[in-house]
Amino acid sequence: MSGLNEKVVRVGTLSCLLFVVISLNYIYSRYPLKKVVDLSPDKEEQHRQIIDMDNTLDFGARDDVKTRTTWMAPIIWEEMFDPHYYKQMHIHLQSSVALTVFAVGRYLDAYIKTFLTSAEKHFMLGLPVTYYVFTDTPEKVPNIELGPLRKLKVIPVEKHSRWQDISMVRMRTISEIIESEIRHSFRYVFCFDVDQEFKGRFGPEALGESVALLHAHYYKLPKYRFTYDKHPNSKAFMETGDFYYHAAIFGGFWKNVKNLTDVCYQRILEDKMNNVEAEWHDESHLNKYFWINKPSRLLSPEYCWDLTLPDYDIRVTRLIWAEKDYDRLRET
């Protein structure tokens, strides 16, 4: 009898295992898992190589400017890095970049062609790049000749008149496109304002886990001059901070950019519900975010320069503010 019982147990166990396998196969075939490419460098070897890249930075190459933060994040200036080395390492690591830009209303007519054509000459050359252009007039996006590994996607969005709504929708839309598409194909995301023009190499040395940009107008000023939001009821309220960051550019690993946009969107929404509006809209919320969540990499004002300023520290102009023709941009 004991032998018979043992056979019954074995048959029962095999039957259960077979049932589990068949069930899992059915579930997977009916609800297939959408592949998420392992793009954040969690793999130990990739993470080590990225750290090794920054070990080659020469922090003493520029004794006229600050090259490192108190939390030891690099501030990237010309002469601190070997551009060829960074390019080859990121090609080896198969780094890929999604660039988001909003061109709504007359901003599309005024800026998008210059932005895209100049990006094709200078932005992340040698790496796979897809431009995500968000606009309320998709049919007016110009045809741009793209180089190898480059793509352009146009995403329709609604136009809003109030800055608070524009800022809120921008953050929500970036988060949504990261969740639905970007996270499956790209390691890095960079978010740009459209009223800018690339003038020089904007390469992989700018890539990092969490990337913030020093504002050209404030990087040399004392902290008491920084225009943080001072409304105590706003979620962007700050008494002090580390630097003043420019919202014209921010980026990093897709997970980090999504977290930034989610947090900023929620805070702007809460302000709106409380009838509060931050002084500089999404830029105020971005500064609050980076005060709490320190960026791992800071870009110097070389990466977004205002030509009306004295350029004593600027040895390479990589991106410039476009001239604002407010009469042309104003809606009739």
C-alpha atoms as a PDB file:
ATOM      1  CA  MET A   1       0.000   0.000   0.000  1.00  0.00           C
ATOM      2  CA  SER A   2       2.853   2.370   0.812  1.00  0.00           C
ATOM      3  CA  GLY A   3       4.215   1.958  -2.740  1.00  0.00           C
ATOM      4  CA  LEU A   4       0.803   2.672  -4.185  1.00  0.00           C
ATOM      5  CA  ASN A   5       0.438   5.798  -2.029  1.00  0.00           C
ATOM      6  CA  GLU A   6       3.849   7.021  -3.153  1.00  0.00           C
ATOM      7  CA  LYS A   7       2.849   6.621  -6.824  1.00  0.00           C
ATOM      8  CA  VAL A   8      -0.391   8.490  -6.202  1.00  0.00           C
ATOM      9  CA  VAL A   9       1.539  11.361  -4.573  1.00  0.00           C
ATOM     10  CA  ARG A  10       3.984  11.535  -7.497  1.00  0.00           C
ATOM     11  CA  VAL A  11       1.180  11.537 -10.063  1.00  0.00           C
ATOM     12  CA  GLY A  12      -0.656  14.240  -8.108  1.00  0.00           C
ATOM     13  CA  THR A  13       2.453  16.393  -7.862  1.00  0.00           C
ATOM     14  CA  LEU A  14       3.195  16.090 -11.587  1.00  0.00           C
ATOM     15  CA  SER A  15      -0.407  16.941 -12.386  1.00  0.00           C
ATOM     16  CA  CYS A  16      -0.257  20.086 -10.251  1.00  0.00           C
ATOM     17  CA  LEU A  17       2.999  21.178 -11.869  1.00  0.00           C
ATOM     18  CA  LEU A  18       1.558  20.571 -15.337  1.00  0.00           C
ATOM     19  CA  PHE A  19      -1.523  22.618 -14.434  1.00  0.00           C
ATOM     20  CA  VAL A  20       0.640  25.513 -13.200  1.00  0.00           C
ATOM     21  CA  VAL A  21       2.749  25.501 -16.380  1.00  0.00           C
ATOM     22  CA  ILE A  22      -0.317  25.438 -18.630  1.00  0.00           C
ATOM     23  CA  SER A  23      -1.956  28.222 -16.604  1.00  0.00           C
ATOM     24  CA  LEU A  24       1.101  30.462 -16.731  1.00  0.00           C
ATOM     25  CA  ASN A  25       1.471  29.871 -20.456  1.00  0.00           C
ATOM     26  CA  TYR A  26      -2.189  30.834 -20.992  1.00  0.00           C
ATOM     27  CA  ILE A  27      -1.866  33.977 -18.886  1.00  0.00           C
ATOM     28  CA  TYR A  28       1.310  35.074 -20.677  1.00  0.00           C
ATOM     29  CA  SER A  29      -0.165  34.440 -24.133  1.00  0.00           C
ATOM     30  CA  ARG A  30      -3.322  36.393 -23.278  1.00  0.00           C
ATOM     31  CA  TYR A  31      -1.611  39.202 -21.358  1.00  0.00           C
ATOM     32  CA  PRO A  32       1.928  39.422 -22.787  1.00  0.00           C
ATOM     33  CA  LEU A  33       4.385  41.495 -20.822  1.00  0.00           C
ATOM     34  CA  LYS A  34       5.480  44.568 -22.769  1.00  0.00           C
ATOM     35  CA  LYS A  35       9.243  44.519 -22.938  1.00  0.00           C
ATOM     36  CA  VAL A  36      11.017  47.196 -20.985  1.00  0.00           C
ATOM     37  CA  VAL A  37      14.579  47.460 -22.183  1.00  0.00           C
ATOM     38  CA  ASP A  38      17.060  47.385 -19.313  1.00  0.00           C
ATOM     39  CA  LEU A  39      18.229  50.894 -20.060  1.00  0.00           C
ATOM     40  CA  SER A  40      19.094  52.269 -16.643  1.00  0.00           C
ATOM     41  CA  PRO A  41      22.585  50.943 -16.021  1.00  0.00           C
ATOM     42  CA  ASP A  42      21.674  48.591 -13.173  1.00  0.00           C
ATOM     43  CA  LYS A  43      24.092  46.046 -14.555  1.00  0.00           C
ATOM     44  CA  GLU A  44      27.228  46.241 -12.490  1.00  0.00           C
ATOM     45  CA  GLU A  45      29.639  46.419 -15.436  1.00  0.00           C
ATOM     46  CA  GLN A  46      27.741  49.206 -17.203  1.00  0.00           C
ATOM     47  CA  HIS A  47      27.466  51.189 -13.978  1.00  0.00           C
ATOM     48  CA  ARG A  48      31.194  50.810 -13.385  1.00  0.00           C
ATOM     49  CA  GLN A  49      32.031  52.049 -16.886  1.00  0.00           C
ATOM     50  CA  ILE A  50      29.832  55.122 -16.494  1.00  0.00           C
ATOM     51  CA  ILE A  51      31.521  55.932 -13.170  1.00  0.00           C
ATOM     52  CA  ASP A  52      34.922  55.371 -14.789  1.00  0.00           C
ATOM     53  CA  MET A  53      34.063  57.931 -17.466  1.00  0.00           C
ATOM     54  CA  ASP A  54      33.630  60.661 -14.868  1.00  0.00           C
ATOM     55  CA  ASN A  55      36.857  59.622 -13.191  1.00  0.00           C
ATOM     56  CA  THR A  56      38.581  61.061 -16.273  1.00  0.00           C
ATOM     57  CA  LEU A  57      37.135  64.565 -15.675  1.00  0.00           C
ATOM     58  CA  ASP A  58      39.788  67.177 -14.970  1.00  0.00           C
ATOM     59  CA  PHE A  59      38.251  69.295 -12.212  1.00  0.00           C
ATOM     60  CA  GLY A  60      41.342  71.499 -12.067  1.00  0.00           C
ATOM     61  CA  ALA A  61      41.214  72.442 -15.738  1.00  0.00           C
ATOM     62  CA  ARG A  62      39.026  75.463 -14.976  1.00  0.00           C
ATOM     63  CA  ASP A  63      40.183  77.317 -11.885  1.00  0.00           C
ATOM     64  CA  ASP A  64      38.053  80.328 -12.860  1.00  0.00           C
ATOM     65  CA  VAL A  65      34.708  78.601 -12.256  1.00  0.00           C
ATOM     66  CA  LYS A  66      33.142  76.077  -9.893  1.00  0.00           C
ATOM     67  CA  THR A  67      33.553  72.566 -11.310  1.00  0.00           C
ATOM     68  CA  ARG A  68      32.028  70.446  -8.528  1.00  0.00           C
ATOM     69  CA  THR A  69      29.138  70.749  -6.084  1.00  0.00           C
ATOM     70  CA  THR A  70      29.281  70.172  -2.342  1.00  0.00           C
ATOM     71  CA  TRP A  71      27.714  66.736  -2.933  1.00  0.00           C
ATOM     72  CA  MET A  72      30.507  65.995  -5.456  1.00  0.00           C
ATOM     73  CA  ALA A  73      28.439  66.184  -8.634  1.00  0.00           C
ATOM     74  CA  PRO A  74      30.448  67.474 -11.624  1.00  0.00           C
ATOM     75  CA  ILE A  75      29.636  70.818 -13.259  1.00  0.00           C
ATOM     76  CA  ILE A  76      30.545  70.309 -16.908  1.00  0.00           C
ATOM     77  CA  TRP A  77      32.684  72.999 -18.550  1.00  0.00           C
ATOM     78  CA  GLU A  78      34.810  72.993 -21.689  1.00  0.00           C
ATOM     79  CA  GLU A  79      38.341  71.613 -21.132  1.00  0.00           C
ATOM     80  CA  MET A  80      37.219  69.317 -18.293  1.00  0.00           C
ATOM     81  CA  PHE A  81      36.553  66.288 -20.528  1.00  0.00           C
ATOM     82  CA  ASP A  82      37.723  64.426 -23.615  1.00  0.00           C
ATOM     83  CA  PRO A  83      34.776  64.610 -26.058  1.00  0.00           C
ATOM     84  CA  HIS A  84      36.019  61.729 -28.222  1.00  0.00           C
ATOM     85  CA  TYR A  85      36.323  59.455 -25.179  1.00  0.00           C
ATOM     86  CA  TYR A  86      32.791  60.204 -23.972  1.00  0.00           C
ATOM     87  CA  LYS A  87      31.375  59.652 -27.446  1.00  0.00           C
ATOM     88  CA  GLN A  88      33.108  56.307 -27.927  1.00  0.00           C
ATOM     89  CA  MET A  89      32.173  55.069 -24.455  1.00  0.00           C
ATOM     90  CA  HIS A  90      28.486  55.911 -24.911  1.00  0.00           C
ATOM     91  CA  ILE A  91      28.481  54.264 -28.335  1.00  0.00           C
ATOM     92  CA  HIS A  92      30.026  51.186 -26.674  1.00  0.00           C
ATOM     93  CA  LEU A  93      27.337  51.276 -23.948  1.00  0.00           C
ATOM     94  CA  GLN A  94      24.624  51.632 -26.638  1.00  0.00           C
ATOM     95  CA  SER A  95      23.294  54.803 -25.060  1.00  0.00           C
ATOM     96  CA  SER A  96      20.198  56.269 -26.692  1.00  0.00           C
ATOM     97  CA  VAL A  97      18.465  59.621 -26.191  1.00  0.00           C
ATOM     98  CA  ALA A  98      14.868  60.815 -26.480  1.00  0.00           C
ATOM     99  CA  LEU A  99      14.579  64.592 -26.873  1.00  0.00           C
ATOM    100  CA  THR A 100      11.239  66.222 -26.031  1.00  0.00           C
ATOM    101  CA  VAL A 101      10.278  69.716 -27.167  1.00  0.00           C
ATOM    102  CA  PHE A 102       6.989  71.627 -27.145  1.00  0.00           C
ATOM    103  CA  ALA A 103       6.159  73.938 -30.065  1.00  0.00           C
ATOM    104  CA  VAL A 104       2.660  75.261 -29.489  1.00  0.00           C
ATOM    105  CA  GLY A 105       0.948  78.190 -31.189  1.00  0.00           C
ATOM    106  CA  ARG A 106       3.252  80.623 -32.936  1.00  0.00           C
ATOM    107  CA  TYR A 107       6.294  79.153 -31.208  1.00  0.00           C
ATOM    108  CA  LEU A 108       6.219  76.401 -33.834  1.00  0.00           C
ATOM    109  CA  ASP A 109       6.417  78.851 -36.730  1.00  0.00           C
ATOM    110  CA  ALA A 110       9.065  80.964 -35.026  1.00  0.00           C
ATOM    111  CA  TYR A 111      11.462  78.354 -33.663  1.00  0.00           C
ATOM    112  CA  ILE A 112      10.981  74.678 -34.465  1.00  0.00           C
ATOM    113  CA  LYS A 113      12.828  74.565 -37.809  1.00  0.00           C
ATOM    114  CA  THR A 114      15.911  76.302 -36.425  1.00  0.00           C
ATOM    115  CA  PHE A 115      15.833  74.146 -33.295  1.00  0.00           C
ATOM    116  CA  LEU A 116      15.672  70.849 -35.195  1.00  0.00           C
ATOM    117  CA  THR A 117      18.106  71.689 -37.995  1.00  0.00           C
ATOM    118  CA  SER A 118      20.694  72.977 -35.515  1.00  0.00           C
ATOM    119  CA  ALA A 119      20.189  69.917 -33.282  1.00  0.00           C
ATOM    120  CA  GLU A 120      20.982  67.700 -36.264  1.00  0.00           C
ATOM    121  CA  LYS A 121      24.348  69.456 -36.551  1.00  0.00           C
ATOM    122  CA  HIS A 122      25.344  69.395 -32.887  1.00  0.00           C
ATOM    123  CA  PHE A 123      23.198  67.279 -30.514  1.00  0.00           C
ATOM    124  CA  MET A 124      24.501  63.842 -29.445  1.00  0.00           C
ATOM    125  CA  LEU A 125      26.050  63.060 -32.814  1.00  0.00           C
ATOM    126  CA  GLY A 126      26.789  59.346 -33.199  1.00  0.00           C
ATOM    127  CA  LEU A 127      24.052  58.223 -30.816  1.00  0.00           C
ATOM    128  CA  PRO A 128      20.481  57.107 -31.590  1.00  0.00           C
ATOM    129  CA  VAL A 129      18.227  60.146 -31.037  1.00  0.00           C
ATOM    130  CA  THR A 130      14.479  60.533 -31.484  1.00  0.00           C
ATOM    131  CA  TYR A 131      12.899  63.985 -31.393  1.00  0.00           C
ATOM    132  CA  TYR A 132       9.442  64.058 -29.816  1.00  0.00           C
ATOM    133  CA  VAL A 133       7.772  67.269 -31.003  1.00  0.00           C
ATOM    134  CA  PHE A 134       4.558  68.163 -29.154  1.00  0.00           C
ATOM    135  CA  THR A 135       2.397  70.653 -31.018  1.00  0.00           C
ATOM    136  CA  ASP A 136      -1.190  71.757 -31.579  1.00  0.00           C
ATOM    137  CA  THR A 137      -0.561  71.991 -35.357  1.00  0.00           C
ATOM    138  CA  PRO A 138       1.154  68.729 -36.380  1.00  0.00           C
ATOM    139  CA  GLU A 139       0.629  69.412 -40.064  1.00  0.00           C
ATOM    140  CA  LYS A 140       2.896  72.479 -39.837  1.00  0.00           C
ATOM    141  CA  VAL A 141       5.974  70.679 -38.502  1.00  0.00           C
ATOM    142  CA  PRO A 142       8.580  71.072 -41.260  1.00  0.00           C
ATOM    143  CA  ASN A 143      10.250  68.139 -42.961  1.00  0.00           C
ATOM    144  CA  ILE A 144      13.803  67.976 -41.653  1.00  0.00           C
ATOM    145  CA  GLU A 145      16.533  65.889 -43.246  1.00  0.00           C
ATOM    146  CA  LEU A 146      17.659  63.540 -40.502  1.00  0.00           C
ATOM    147  CA  GLY A 147      20.977  61.764 -40.201  1.00  0.00           C
ATOM    148  CA  PRO A 148      21.597  58.065 -39.472  1.00  0.00           C
ATOM    149  CA  LEU A 149      20.089  56.797 -36.201  1.00  0.00           C
ATOM    150  CA  ARG A 150      17.834  59.883 -35.985  1.00  0.00           C
ATOM    151  CA  LYS A 151      14.027  59.917 -35.966  1.00  0.00           C
ATOM    152  CA  LEU A 152      11.267  62.511 -35.568  1.00  0.00           C
ATOM    153  CA  LYS A 153       7.870  61.868 -33.986  1.00  0.00           C
ATOM    154  CA  VAL A 154       5.115  64.479 -33.864  1.00  0.00           C
ATOM    155  CA  ILE A 155       2.626  64.237 -30.986  1.00  0.00           C
ATOM    156  CA  PRO A 156      -0.597  66.326 -31.083  1.00  0.00           C
ATOM    157  CA  VAL A 157      -1.416  68.303 -27.927  1.00  0.00           C
ATOM    158  CA  GLU A 158      -3.948  70.955 -26.978  1.00  0.00           C
ATOM    159  CA  LYS A 159      -3.026  74.621 -26.679  1.00  0.00           C
ATOM    160  CA  HIS A 160      -3.473  76.395 -23.338  1.00  0.00           C
ATOM    161  CA  SER A 161      -3.327  80.117 -22.665  1.00  0.00           C
ATOM    162  CA  ARG A 162      -2.410  80.229 -18.958  1.00  0.00           C
ATOM    163  CA  TRP A 163       1.208  79.548 -18.007  1.00  0.00           C
ATOM    164  CA  GLN A 164       0.159  77.417 -15.039  1.00  0.00           C
ATOM    165  CA  ASP A 165      -1.839  75.158 -17.360  1.00  0.00           C
ATOM    166  CA  ILE A 166       0.972  75.072 -19.919  1.00  0.00           C
ATOM    167  CA  SER A 167       3.485  74.048 -17.249  1.00  0.00           C
ATOM    168  CA  MET A 168       1.170  71.439 -15.783  1.00  0.00           C
ATOM    169  CA  VAL A 169       0.320  69.871 -19.137  1.00  0.00           C
ATOM    170  CA  ARG A 170       3.972  69.849 -20.199  1.00  0.00           C
ATOM    171  CA  MET A 171       5.021  67.869 -17.131  1.00  0.00           C
ATOM    172  CA  ARG A 172       2.101  65.446 -17.420  1.00  0.00           C
ATOM    173  CA  THR A 173       2.655  64.901 -21.145  1.00  0.00           C
ATOM    174  CA  ILE A 174       6.366  64.149 -20.748  1.00  0.00           C
ATOM    175  CA  SER A 175       5.570  61.633 -18.015  1.00  0.00           C
ATOM    176  CA  GLU A 176       2.944  59.949 -20.185  1.00  0.00           C
ATOM    177  CA  ILE A 177       5.184  59.597 -23.240  1.00  0.00           C
ATOM    178  CA  ILE A 178       7.979  58.187 -21.061  1.00  0.00           C
ATOM    179  CA  GLU A 179       5.585  55.606 -19.621  1.00  0.00           C
ATOM    180  CA  SER A 180       3.946  54.634 -22.923  1.00  0.00           C
ATOM    181  CA  GLU A 181       6.940  54.677 -25.247  1.00  0.00           C
ATOM    182  CA  ILE A 182      10.293  56.145 -24.245  1.00  0.00           C
ATOM    183  CA  ARG A 183      11.014  53.731 -21.400  1.00  0.00           C
ATOM    184  CA  HIS A 184      10.933  50.810 -23.845  1.00  0.00           C
ATOM    185  CA  SER A 185      13.602  52.157 -26.182  1.00  0.00           C
ATOM    186  CA  PHE A 186      15.781  54.812 -24.534  1.00  0.00           C
ATOM    187  CA  ARG A 187      18.134  55.099 -21.610  1.00  0.00           C
ATOM    188  CA  TYR A 188      18.187  58.910 -21.463  1.00  0.00           C
ATOM    189  CA  VAL A 189      15.622  61.682 -21.862  1.00  0.00           C
ATOM    190  CA  PHE A 190      16.418  65.362 -22.435  1.00  0.00           C
ATOM    191  CA  CYS A 191      13.658  67.990 -22.288  1.00  0.00           C
ATOM    192  CA  PHE A 192      14.205  71.307 -24.097  1.00  0.00           C
ATOM    193  CA  ASP A 193      12.439  74.614 -24.626  1.00  0.00           C
ATOM    194  CA  VAL A 194      11.967  75.263 -28.341  1.00  0.00           C
ATOM    195  CA  ASP A 195      13.175  78.896 -28.438  1.00  0.00           C
ATOM    196  CA  GLN A 196      16.841  77.906 -28.551  1.00  0.00           C
ATOM    197  CA  GLU A 197      19.468  77.202 -31.189  1.00  0.00           C
ATOM    198  CA  PHE A 198      22.392  74.774 -31.056  1.00  0.00           C
ATOM    199  CA  LYS A 199      25.683  76.458 -31.962  1.00  0.00           C
ATOM    200  CA  GLY A 200      28.331  73.966 -30.868  1.00  0.00           C
ATOM    201  CA  ARG A 201      28.898  70.388 -29.810  1.00  0.00           C
ATOM    202  CA  PHE A 202      26.295  69.215 -27.277  1.00  0.00           C
ATOM    203  CA  GLY A 203      27.594  65.718 -26.670  1.00  0.00           C
ATOM    204  CA  PRO A 204      27.406  62.659 -24.415  1.00  0.00           C
ATOM    205  CA  GLU A 205      29.467  64.351 -21.704  1.00  0.00           C
ATOM    206  CA  ALA A 206      26.108  65.963 -20.782  1.00  0.00           C
ATOM    207  CA  LEU A 207      24.465  62.598 -20.099  1.00  0.00           C
ATOM    208  CA  GLY A 208      23.936  61.499 -16.510  1.00  0.00           C
ATOM    209  CA  GLU A 209      21.499  59.961 -14.050  1.00  0.00           C
ATOM    210  CA  SER A 210      19.863  63.304 -13.211  1.00  0.00           C
ATOM    211  CA  VAL A 211      20.918  66.415 -15.135  1.00  0.00           C
ATOM    212  CA  ALA A 212      20.220  70.055 -14.251  1.00  0.00           C
ATOM    213  CA  LEU A 213      21.305  73.265 -15.982  1.00  0.00           C
ATOM    214  CA  LEU A 214      22.815  76.310 -14.266  1.00  0.00           C
ATOM    215  CA  HIS A 215      20.898  79.433 -15.256  1.00  0.00           C
ATOM    216  CA  ALA A 216      23.096  81.828 -17.243  1.00  0.00           C
ATOM    217  CA  HIS A 217      21.743  84.861 -15.393  1.00  0.00           C
ATOM    218  CA  TYR A 218      22.324  83.530 -11.884  1.00  0.00           C
ATOM    219  CA  TYR A 219      25.310  81.173 -11.820  1.00  0.00           C
ATOM    220  CA  LYS A 220      27.681  83.899 -10.544  1.00  0.00           C
ATOM    221  CA  LEU A 221      25.254  85.725  -8.279  1.00  0.00           C
ATOM    222  CA  PRO A 222      24.961  85.286  -4.503  1.00  0.00           C
ATOM    223  CA  LYS A 223      22.085  83.091  -3.324  1.00  0.00           C
ATOM    224  CA  TYR A 224      20.020  85.961  -1.972  1.00  0.00           C
ATOM    225  CA  ARG A 225      19.585  87.115  -5.588  1.00  0.00           C
ATOM    226  CA  PHE A 226      18.073  83.794  -6.714  1.00  0.00           C
ATOM    227  CA  THR A 227      14.416  84.092  -7.668  1.00  0.00           C
ATOM    228  CA  TYR A 228      13.064  81.082  -5.789  1.00  0.00           C
ATOM    229  CA  ASP A 229       9.328  81.093  -5.149  1.00  0.00           C
ATOM    230  CA  LYS A 230       8.597  83.013  -1.943  1.00  0.00           C
ATOM    231  CA  HIS A 231       4.866  82.341  -1.656  1.00  0.00           C
ATOM    232  CA  PRO A 232       4.570  80.266   1.557  1.00  0.00           C
ATOM    233  CA  ASN A 233       1.414  78.506   0.329  1.00  0.00           C
ATOM    234  CA  SER A 234       3.002  77.298  -2.892  1.00  0.00           C
ATOM    235  CA  LYS A 235       4.483  73.814  -3.161  1.00  0.00           C
ATOM    236  CA  ALA A 236       7.443  75.490  -4.879  1.00  0.00           C
ATOM    237  CA  PHE A 237       8.245  77.676  -1.841  1.00  0.00           C
ATOM    238  CA  MET A 238      11.933  77.789  -0.957  1.00  0.00           C
ATOM    239  CA  GLU A 239      13.840  79.852   1.583  1.00  0.00           C
ATOM    240  CA  THR A 240      17.226  78.846   0.185  1.00  0.00           C
ATOM    241  CA  GLY A 241      18.834  76.394  -2.203  1.00  0.00           C
ATOM    242  CA  ASP A 242      22.086  75.249  -3.791  1.00  0.00           C
ATOM    243  CA  PHE A 243      21.961  76.856  -7.246  1.00  0.00           C
ATOM    244  CA  TYR A 244      19.367  78.438  -9.492  1.00  0.00           C
ATOM    245  CA  TYR A 245      18.466  75.984 -12.253  1.00  0.00           C
ATOM    246  CA  HIS A 246      17.063  76.831 -15.677  1.00  0.00           C
ATOM    247  CA  ALA A 247      14.010  74.826 -16.802  1.00  0.00           C
ATOM    248  CA  ALA A 248      14.969  75.285 -20.468  1.00  0.00           C
ATOM    249  CA  ILE A 249      16.887  71.985 -20.218  1.00  0.00           C
ATOM    250  CA  PHE A 250      16.680  69.041 -17.857  1.00  0.00           C
ATOM    251  CA  GLY A 251      17.299  65.346 -18.348  1.00  0.00           C
ATOM    252  CA  GLY A 252      18.697  62.050 -17.134  1.00  0.00           C
ATOM    253  CA  PHE A 253      17.733  58.389 -16.978  1.00  0.00           C
ATOM    254  CA  TRP A 254      14.117  57.965 -18.045  1.00  0.00           C
ATOM    255  CA  LYS A 255      13.136  56.792 -14.553  1.00  0.00           C
ATOM    256  CA  ASN A 256      14.525  59.954 -12.987  1.00  0.00           C
ATOM    257  CA  VAL A 257      12.973  62.303 -15.546  1.00  0.00           C
ATOM    258  CA  LYS A 258       9.621  60.593 -15.096  1.00  0.00           C
ATOM    259  CA  ASN A 259       9.851  61.010 -11.335  1.00  0.00           C
ATOM    260  CA  LEU A 260      10.729  64.707 -11.750  1.00  0.00           C
ATOM    261  CA  THR A 261       7.796  65.363 -14.079  1.00  0.00           C
ATOM    262  CA  ASP A 262       5.384  63.392 -11.890  1.00  0.00           C
ATOM    263  CA  VAL A 263       6.375  65.321  -8.767  1.00  0.00           C
ATOM    264  CA  CYS A 264       6.309  68.720 -10.478  1.00  0.00           C
ATOM    265  CA  TYR A 265       2.948  67.980 -12.107  1.00  0.00           C
ATOM    266  CA  GLN A 266       1.427  66.992  -8.774  1.00  0.00           C
ATOM    267  CA  ARG A 267       2.756  70.108  -7.060  1.00  0.00           C
ATOM    268  CA  ILE A 268       1.521  72.425  -9.818  1.00  0.00           C
ATOM    269  CA  LEU A 269      -1.881  70.716  -9.639  1.00  0.00           C
ATOM    270  CA  GLU A 270      -2.041  71.189  -5.866  1.00  0.00           C
ATOM    271  CA  ASP A 271      -1.114  74.862  -6.256  1.00  0.00           C
ATOM    272  CA  LYS A 272      -3.874  75.290  -8.811  1.00  0.00           C
ATOM    273  CA  MET A 273      -6.424  73.672  -6.507  1.00  0.00           C
ATOM    274  CA  ASN A 274      -5.332  76.079  -3.757  1.00  0.00           C
ATOM    275  CA  ASN A 275      -5.477  79.127  -6.088  1.00  0.00           C
ATOM    276  CA  VAL A 276      -1.719  79.592  -5.854  1.00  0.00           C
ATOM    277  CA  GLU A 277       0.679  80.078  -8.769  1.00  0.00           C
ATOM    278  CA  ALA A 278       4.450  79.773  -8.431  1.00  0.00           C
ATOM    279  CA  GLU A 279       6.361  82.867  -9.512  1.00  0.00           C
ATOM    280  CA  TRP A 280       8.246  81.170 -12.364  1.00  0.00           C
ATOM    281  CA  HIS A 281       5.801  78.303 -12.930  1.00  0.00           C
ATOM    282  CA  ASP A 282       7.483  74.959 -13.755  1.00  0.00           C
ATOM    283  CA  GLU A 283      10.948  76.459 -13.221  1.00  0.00           C
ATOM    284  CA  SER A 284      10.075  77.250  -9.600  1.00  0.00           C
ATOM    285  CA  HIS A 285       8.884  73.683  -9.058  1.00  0.00           C
ATOM    286  CA  LEU A 286      11.949  72.280 -10.822  1.00  0.00           C
ATOM    287  CA  ASN A 287      14.231  74.223  -8.482  1.00  0.00           C
ATOM    288  CA  LYS A 288      12.338  72.866  -5.482  1.00  0.00           C
ATOM    289  CA  TYR A 289      12.657  69.331  -6.860  1.00  0.00           C
ATOM    290  CA  PHE A 290      16.429  69.605  -7.374  1.00  0.00           C
ATOM    291  CA  TRP A 291      16.849  71.138  -3.918  1.00  0.00           C
ATOM    292  CA  ILE A 292      15.357  67.970  -2.404  1.00  0.00           C
ATOM    293  CA  ASN A 293      16.628  65.506  -5.027  1.00  0.00           C
ATOM    294  CA  LYS A 294      20.169  66.592  -5.838  1.00  0.00           C
ATOM    295  CA  PRO A 295      21.114  66.243  -9.513  1.00  0.00           C
ATOM    296  CA  SER A 296      24.047  63.955 -10.256  1.00  0.00           C
ATOM    297  CA  ARG A 297      25.319  66.222 -13.039  1.00  0.00           C
ATOM    298  CA  LEU A 298      25.151  69.961 -13.651  1.00  0.00           C
ATOM    299  CA  LEU A 299      25.598  71.592 -17.030  1.00  0.00           C
ATOM    300  CA  SER A 300      27.394  74.917 -17.082  1.00  0.00           C
ATOM    301  CA  PRO A 301      25.798  77.912 -18.862  1.00  0.00           C
ATOM    302  CA  GLU A 302      27.790  76.919 -21.974  1.00  0.00           C
ATOM    303  CA  TYR A 303      24.884  74.572 -22.605  1.00  0.00           C
ATOM    304  CA  CYS A 304      22.292  77.376 -22.704  1.00  0.00           C
ATOM    305  CA  TRP A 305      23.783  80.835 -23.052  1.00  0.00           C
ATOM    306  CA  ASP A 306      22.252  84.297 -23.355  1.00  0.00           C
ATOM    307  CA  LEU A 307      24.311  86.298 -25.854  1.00  0.00           C
ATOM    308  CA  THR A 308      23.361  89.576 -24.154  1.00  0.00           C
ATOM    309  CA  LEU A 309      25.544  88.647 -21.162  1.00  0.00           C
ATOM    310  CA  PRO A 310      29.325  89.160 -20.863  1.00  0.00           C
ATOM    311  CA  ASP A 311      30.943  85.841 -21.758  1.00  0.00           C
ATOM    312  CA  TYR A 312      34.141  85.856 -19.703  1.00  0.00           C
ATOM    313  CA  ASP A 313      33.667  82.236 -18.590  1.00  0.00           C
ATOM    314  CA  ILE A 314      32.199  80.864 -21.811  1.00  0.00           C
ATOM    315  CA  ARG A 315      34.821  79.277 -24.050  1.00  0.00           C
ATOM    316  CA  VAL A 316      32.355  77.262 -26.146  1.00  0.00           C
ATOM    317  CA  THR A 317      28.786  78.316 -26.884  1.00  0.00           C
ATOM    318  CA  ARG A 318      26.800  75.110 -27.313  1.00  0.00           C
ATOM    319  CA  LEU A 319      23.237  76.409 -27.244  1.00  0.00           C
ATOM    320  CA  ILE A 320      21.904  79.964 -27.226  1.00  0.00           C
ATOM    321  CA  TRP A 321      18.674  81.656 -26.307  1.00  0.00           C
ATOM    322  CA  ALA A 322      16.778  82.684 -29.402  1.00  0.00           C
ATOM    323  CA  GLU A 323      15.661  86.273 -29.757  1.00  0.00           C
ATOM    324  CA  LYS A 324      12.115  86.874 -28.530  1.00  0.00           C
ATOM    325  CA  ASP A 325       9.889  88.670 -30.997  1.00  0.00           C
ATOM    326  CA  TYR A 326       6.930  89.106 -28.674  1.00  0.00           C
ATOM    327  CA  ASP A 327       4.877  90.988 -31.250  1.00  0.00           C
ATOM    328  CA  ARG A 328       5.164  87.988 -33.557  1.00  0.00           C
ATOM    329  CA  LEU A 329       4.538  85.459 -30.805  1.00  0.00           C
ATOM    330  CA  ARG A 330       1.530  87.243 -29.302  1.00  0.00           C
ATOM    331  CA  GLU A 331      -1.756  85.647 -30.330  1.00  0.00           C
ATOM    332  CA  THR A 332      -4.268  87.939 -32.008  1.00  0.00           C
END
